[in-house]
N, C-alpha and C. Protein backbone atom coordinates (compact mmCIF):
# COMPACT_ATOMS: atom_id res chain seq x y z
N MET A 1 110.91 73.61 88.08
CA MET A 1 110.84 75.04 88.06
C MET A 1 109.37 75.41 88.27
N THR A 2 109.13 76.47 89.05
CA THR A 2 107.77 76.92 89.36
C THR A 2 107.67 78.42 89.13
N ASP A 3 106.60 78.88 88.45
CA ASP A 3 106.43 80.32 88.23
C ASP A 3 105.63 80.92 89.38
N THR A 4 105.41 82.24 89.33
CA THR A 4 104.73 82.94 90.42
C THR A 4 103.27 82.53 90.56
N ALA A 5 102.69 81.94 89.53
CA ALA A 5 101.30 81.47 89.59
C ALA A 5 101.19 80.05 90.13
N GLY A 6 102.34 79.43 90.42
CA GLY A 6 102.33 78.07 90.95
C GLY A 6 102.40 76.99 89.88
N ASN A 7 102.54 77.35 88.61
CA ASN A 7 102.67 76.36 87.54
C ASN A 7 104.06 75.77 87.58
N THR A 8 104.15 74.46 87.36
CA THR A 8 105.45 73.81 87.36
C THR A 8 105.76 73.22 85.99
N ALA A 9 107.04 73.13 85.70
CA ALA A 9 107.50 72.54 84.44
C ALA A 9 108.89 72.00 84.66
N ALA A 10 109.22 70.98 83.88
CA ALA A 10 110.53 70.36 84.00
C ALA A 10 111.63 71.23 83.41
N GLY A 11 111.28 72.09 82.46
CA GLY A 11 112.29 72.94 81.84
C GLY A 11 113.10 72.26 80.76
N THR A 12 112.65 71.10 80.31
CA THR A 12 113.35 70.41 79.24
C THR A 12 112.40 70.20 78.07
N GLY A 13 112.96 70.05 76.89
CA GLY A 13 112.16 69.75 75.71
C GLY A 13 111.54 70.96 75.05
N ASP A 14 111.79 72.15 75.57
CA ASP A 14 111.26 73.37 74.97
C ASP A 14 112.41 74.13 74.34
N THR A 15 112.35 74.32 73.03
CA THR A 15 113.44 75.02 72.35
C THR A 15 112.90 76.28 71.67
N SER A 16 113.80 77.19 71.43
CA SER A 16 113.45 78.41 70.71
C SER A 16 114.66 78.87 69.91
N THR A 17 114.40 79.72 68.93
CA THR A 17 115.48 80.27 68.11
C THR A 17 115.46 81.78 68.27
N LYS A 18 116.60 82.33 68.58
CA LYS A 18 116.71 83.78 68.75
C LYS A 18 116.88 84.44 67.39
N ASP A 19 116.04 85.44 67.10
CA ASP A 19 116.13 86.20 65.85
C ASP A 19 117.23 87.24 66.00
N THR A 20 118.34 87.02 65.34
CA THR A 20 119.47 87.95 65.43
C THR A 20 119.56 88.86 64.22
N THR A 21 118.60 88.77 63.29
CA THR A 21 118.66 89.60 62.08
C THR A 21 117.49 90.57 61.96
N ALA A 22 116.76 90.80 63.02
CA ALA A 22 115.64 91.74 62.94
C ALA A 22 116.14 93.10 62.48
N ASP A 23 115.49 93.63 61.47
CA ASP A 23 115.86 94.93 60.91
C ASP A 23 117.30 94.97 60.40
N ALA A 24 117.77 93.85 59.88
CA ALA A 24 119.13 93.80 59.34
C ALA A 24 119.21 94.62 58.07
N SER A 25 120.39 95.12 57.76
CA SER A 25 120.61 95.87 56.52
C SER A 25 120.56 94.92 55.34
N PRO A 26 120.12 95.30 54.17
CA PRO A 26 119.52 96.61 53.90
C PRO A 26 118.11 96.67 54.46
N THR A 27 117.69 97.85 54.85
CA THR A 27 116.35 98.00 55.39
C THR A 27 115.33 97.94 54.26
N ALA A 28 114.12 97.59 54.61
CA ALA A 28 113.05 97.48 53.61
C ALA A 28 112.73 98.85 53.02
N SER A 29 112.36 98.84 51.75
CA SER A 29 111.96 100.08 51.08
C SER A 29 110.79 99.79 50.16
N VAL A 30 110.04 100.85 49.86
CA VAL A 30 108.89 100.71 48.97
C VAL A 30 109.04 101.68 47.81
N THR A 31 108.68 101.23 46.63
CA THR A 31 108.70 102.06 45.43
C THR A 31 107.32 102.04 44.80
N ILE A 32 106.79 103.22 44.49
CA ILE A 32 105.52 103.30 43.77
C ILE A 32 105.82 103.18 42.29
N ASN A 33 105.16 102.25 41.62
CA ASN A 33 105.46 101.90 40.23
C ASN A 33 104.58 102.66 39.25
N ASP A 34 104.62 103.98 39.30
CA ASP A 34 103.76 104.75 38.40
C ASP A 34 104.51 105.28 37.18
N GLY A 35 105.83 105.30 37.24
CA GLY A 35 106.62 105.68 36.08
C GLY A 35 106.91 107.15 35.90
N ASP A 36 105.99 108.05 36.26
CA ASP A 36 106.23 109.47 35.97
C ASP A 36 106.27 110.37 37.21
N GLY A 37 106.12 109.81 38.42
CA GLY A 37 106.17 110.62 39.62
C GLY A 37 104.83 111.21 40.03
N PHE A 38 103.79 110.96 39.24
CA PHE A 38 102.46 111.46 39.57
C PHE A 38 101.44 110.34 39.43
N ILE A 39 100.54 110.26 40.39
CA ILE A 39 99.45 109.29 40.32
C ILE A 39 98.23 110.05 39.83
N SER A 40 97.83 109.78 38.62
CA SER A 40 96.72 110.52 38.01
C SER A 40 95.38 110.00 38.50
N ASP A 41 94.32 110.72 38.15
CA ASP A 41 92.97 110.32 38.51
C ASP A 41 92.67 108.93 37.95
N ALA A 42 93.17 108.64 36.76
CA ALA A 42 92.92 107.34 36.13
C ALA A 42 93.70 106.22 36.83
N GLU A 43 94.80 106.54 37.50
CA GLU A 43 95.65 105.53 38.14
C GLU A 43 95.33 105.30 39.61
N LYS A 44 94.65 106.24 40.27
CA LYS A 44 94.56 106.23 41.72
C LYS A 44 93.83 105.03 42.32
N ALA A 45 92.99 104.36 41.57
CA ALA A 45 92.24 103.21 42.10
C ALA A 45 93.07 101.93 42.12
N ALA A 46 94.20 101.91 41.42
CA ALA A 46 95.05 100.71 41.39
C ALA A 46 96.50 101.13 41.22
N VAL A 47 97.10 101.63 42.31
CA VAL A 47 98.48 102.11 42.28
C VAL A 47 99.40 100.94 42.63
N GLY A 48 100.28 100.59 41.69
CA GLY A 48 101.22 99.50 41.91
C GLY A 48 102.39 99.95 42.76
N PHE A 49 102.86 99.03 43.63
CA PHE A 49 104.04 99.32 44.44
C PHE A 49 104.83 98.03 44.65
N THR A 50 106.13 98.19 44.96
CA THR A 50 107.02 97.06 45.18
C THR A 50 107.77 97.27 46.49
N ILE A 51 107.87 96.21 47.28
CA ILE A 51 108.62 96.23 48.53
C ILE A 51 109.83 95.31 48.35
N VAL A 52 111.01 95.80 48.75
CA VAL A 52 112.24 94.99 48.72
C VAL A 52 113.00 95.17 50.03
N GLY A 53 113.83 94.21 50.36
CA GLY A 53 114.68 94.29 51.55
C GLY A 53 114.03 93.83 52.83
N VAL A 54 112.92 93.08 52.74
CA VAL A 54 112.24 92.59 53.94
C VAL A 54 112.97 91.35 54.45
N ASP A 55 113.26 91.30 55.75
CA ASP A 55 113.90 90.13 56.34
C ASP A 55 113.03 88.90 56.05
N PRO A 56 113.66 87.73 55.82
CA PRO A 56 112.91 86.52 55.49
C PRO A 56 111.88 86.12 56.56
N ASP A 57 112.12 86.49 57.81
CA ASP A 57 111.21 86.10 58.88
C ASP A 57 110.26 87.23 59.27
N ALA A 58 110.13 88.24 58.41
CA ALA A 58 109.29 89.40 58.72
C ALA A 58 108.13 89.52 57.73
N VAL A 59 107.16 90.33 58.10
CA VAL A 59 106.03 90.64 57.23
C VAL A 59 106.02 92.15 57.00
N ALA A 60 105.96 92.56 55.74
CA ALA A 60 105.99 93.99 55.41
C ALA A 60 104.59 94.55 55.28
N MET A 61 104.38 95.69 55.89
CA MET A 61 103.13 96.43 55.75
C MET A 61 103.51 97.85 55.34
N VAL A 62 102.77 98.42 54.41
CA VAL A 62 103.04 99.78 53.94
C VAL A 62 101.84 100.65 54.26
N ARG A 63 102.11 101.80 54.85
CA ARG A 63 101.06 102.78 55.17
C ARG A 63 101.20 103.95 54.21
N PHE A 64 100.18 104.17 53.38
CA PHE A 64 100.15 105.31 52.46
C PHE A 64 99.38 106.42 53.15
N SER A 65 99.96 107.61 53.20
CA SER A 65 99.34 108.70 53.95
C SER A 65 99.35 110.00 53.16
N ASP A 66 98.27 110.75 53.30
CA ASP A 66 98.20 112.10 52.73
C ASP A 66 98.38 113.14 53.83
N GLY A 67 98.76 112.69 55.03
CA GLY A 67 98.94 113.58 56.16
C GLY A 67 97.80 113.53 57.15
N ASN A 68 96.66 112.97 56.75
CA ASN A 68 95.51 112.82 57.63
C ASN A 68 95.40 111.35 58.02
N PRO A 69 95.67 111.00 59.29
CA PRO A 69 95.63 109.59 59.70
C PRO A 69 94.29 108.91 59.43
N LEU A 70 93.22 109.65 59.36
CA LEU A 70 91.91 109.05 59.08
C LEU A 70 91.82 108.52 57.66
N HIS A 71 92.68 109.01 56.76
CA HIS A 71 92.66 108.57 55.36
C HIS A 71 93.67 107.46 55.08
N ASP A 72 94.57 107.15 56.03
CA ASP A 72 95.65 106.20 55.78
C ASP A 72 95.14 104.89 55.20
N VAL A 73 95.92 104.35 54.26
CA VAL A 73 95.64 103.06 53.64
C VAL A 73 96.82 102.16 53.95
N VAL A 74 96.57 100.98 54.53
CA VAL A 74 97.64 100.06 54.90
C VAL A 74 97.50 98.79 54.08
N ARG A 75 98.58 98.41 53.42
CA ARG A 75 98.60 97.19 52.60
C ARG A 75 99.98 96.54 52.70
N GLY A 76 100.03 95.27 52.37
CA GLY A 76 101.31 94.59 52.33
C GLY A 76 101.22 93.26 51.61
N PRO A 77 102.21 92.96 50.79
CA PRO A 77 102.24 91.67 50.13
C PRO A 77 102.83 90.58 51.02
N GLY A 78 103.25 90.92 52.22
CA GLY A 78 103.89 89.94 53.11
C GLY A 78 105.37 90.23 53.18
N GLY A 79 106.14 89.57 52.33
CA GLY A 79 107.57 89.83 52.25
C GLY A 79 107.86 90.67 51.02
N ASP A 80 109.05 90.48 50.47
CA ASP A 80 109.38 91.19 49.23
C ASP A 80 108.34 90.85 48.17
N GLY A 81 107.95 91.84 47.38
CA GLY A 81 106.99 91.57 46.32
C GLY A 81 106.27 92.82 45.86
N SER A 82 105.37 92.62 44.93
CA SER A 82 104.60 93.72 44.34
C SER A 82 103.12 93.52 44.59
N SER A 83 102.42 94.64 44.66
CA SER A 83 100.98 94.61 44.88
C SER A 83 100.40 95.90 44.33
N ALA A 84 99.11 96.10 44.49
CA ALA A 84 98.44 97.34 44.08
C ALA A 84 97.52 97.77 45.20
N VAL A 85 97.26 99.08 45.26
CA VAL A 85 96.45 99.64 46.33
C VAL A 85 95.54 100.72 45.77
N ASP A 86 94.34 100.83 46.34
CA ASP A 86 93.39 101.87 45.95
C ASP A 86 93.63 103.10 46.82
N LEU A 87 94.12 104.19 46.22
CA LEU A 87 94.40 105.42 46.95
C LEU A 87 93.38 106.51 46.64
N SER A 88 92.24 106.14 46.10
CA SER A 88 91.25 107.14 45.72
C SER A 88 90.64 107.87 46.92
N GLY A 89 90.77 107.32 48.14
CA GLY A 89 90.25 107.98 49.32
C GLY A 89 91.18 109.01 49.93
N LEU A 90 92.39 109.13 49.39
CA LEU A 90 93.34 110.11 49.90
C LEU A 90 93.11 111.47 49.26
N THR A 91 93.46 112.51 49.99
CA THR A 91 93.33 113.88 49.50
C THR A 91 94.41 114.14 48.45
N ASP A 92 94.08 114.89 47.39
CA ASP A 92 95.06 115.24 46.37
C ASP A 92 96.23 115.97 47.01
N GLY A 93 97.44 115.67 46.53
CA GLY A 93 98.66 116.28 47.05
C GLY A 93 99.68 115.20 47.32
N PRO A 94 100.73 115.53 48.07
CA PRO A 94 101.79 114.55 48.34
C PRO A 94 101.25 113.34 49.09
N ILE A 95 101.72 112.17 48.68
CA ILE A 95 101.38 110.91 49.34
C ILE A 95 102.70 110.26 49.73
N ARG A 96 102.82 109.86 50.98
CA ARG A 96 104.06 109.24 51.43
C ARG A 96 103.81 107.82 51.88
N PRO A 97 104.53 106.85 51.25
CA PRO A 97 104.53 105.50 51.81
C PRO A 97 105.45 105.54 53.03
N ARG A 98 104.97 105.18 54.21
CA ARG A 98 105.68 105.40 55.46
C ARG A 98 107.06 104.77 55.56
N ASN A 99 107.31 103.64 54.93
CA ASN A 99 108.65 103.07 55.03
C ASN A 99 109.47 103.33 53.78
N GLY A 100 109.04 104.27 52.92
CA GLY A 100 109.78 104.58 51.71
C GLY A 100 110.39 105.96 51.77
N ASP A 101 111.27 106.23 50.83
CA ASP A 101 111.94 107.51 50.79
C ASP A 101 111.34 108.47 49.77
N SER A 102 110.50 107.96 48.88
CA SER A 102 109.99 108.82 47.82
C SER A 102 108.62 109.37 48.17
N THR A 103 108.33 110.55 47.68
CA THR A 103 107.01 111.14 47.82
C THR A 103 106.42 111.27 46.43
N GLU A 104 105.24 110.74 46.25
CA GLU A 104 104.55 110.83 44.97
C GLU A 104 103.37 111.77 45.18
N SER A 105 102.94 112.44 44.15
CA SER A 105 101.76 113.28 44.31
C SER A 105 100.73 112.94 43.26
N ARG A 106 99.48 113.07 43.66
CA ARG A 106 98.38 112.82 42.73
C ARG A 106 98.01 114.10 42.06
N LYS A 107 97.56 114.01 40.80
CA LYS A 107 97.09 115.18 40.06
C LYS A 107 95.67 115.47 40.44
């Protein structure tokens, strides 16, 4: 077999696995672990969050946004798991984790 650049290969001995579960249900979700629905001034430097439902062959990244893309904070523990993030650079008001359904607001 020859490609358009003139490279040749026998076409044997090369295997691959097709990912048939990309974005399989249930979809990944993120929960902010603050307990009361508000991230206070004392909490904003270390906001805990948990990601669940990540496909085993995927890596989860969470984007926290206050509506201004210049302030966005992106973090991820990799797959399912918990981590913490510093949101002190975001503007006070609603904060949305991009792949989550809940909106939390800072005081």
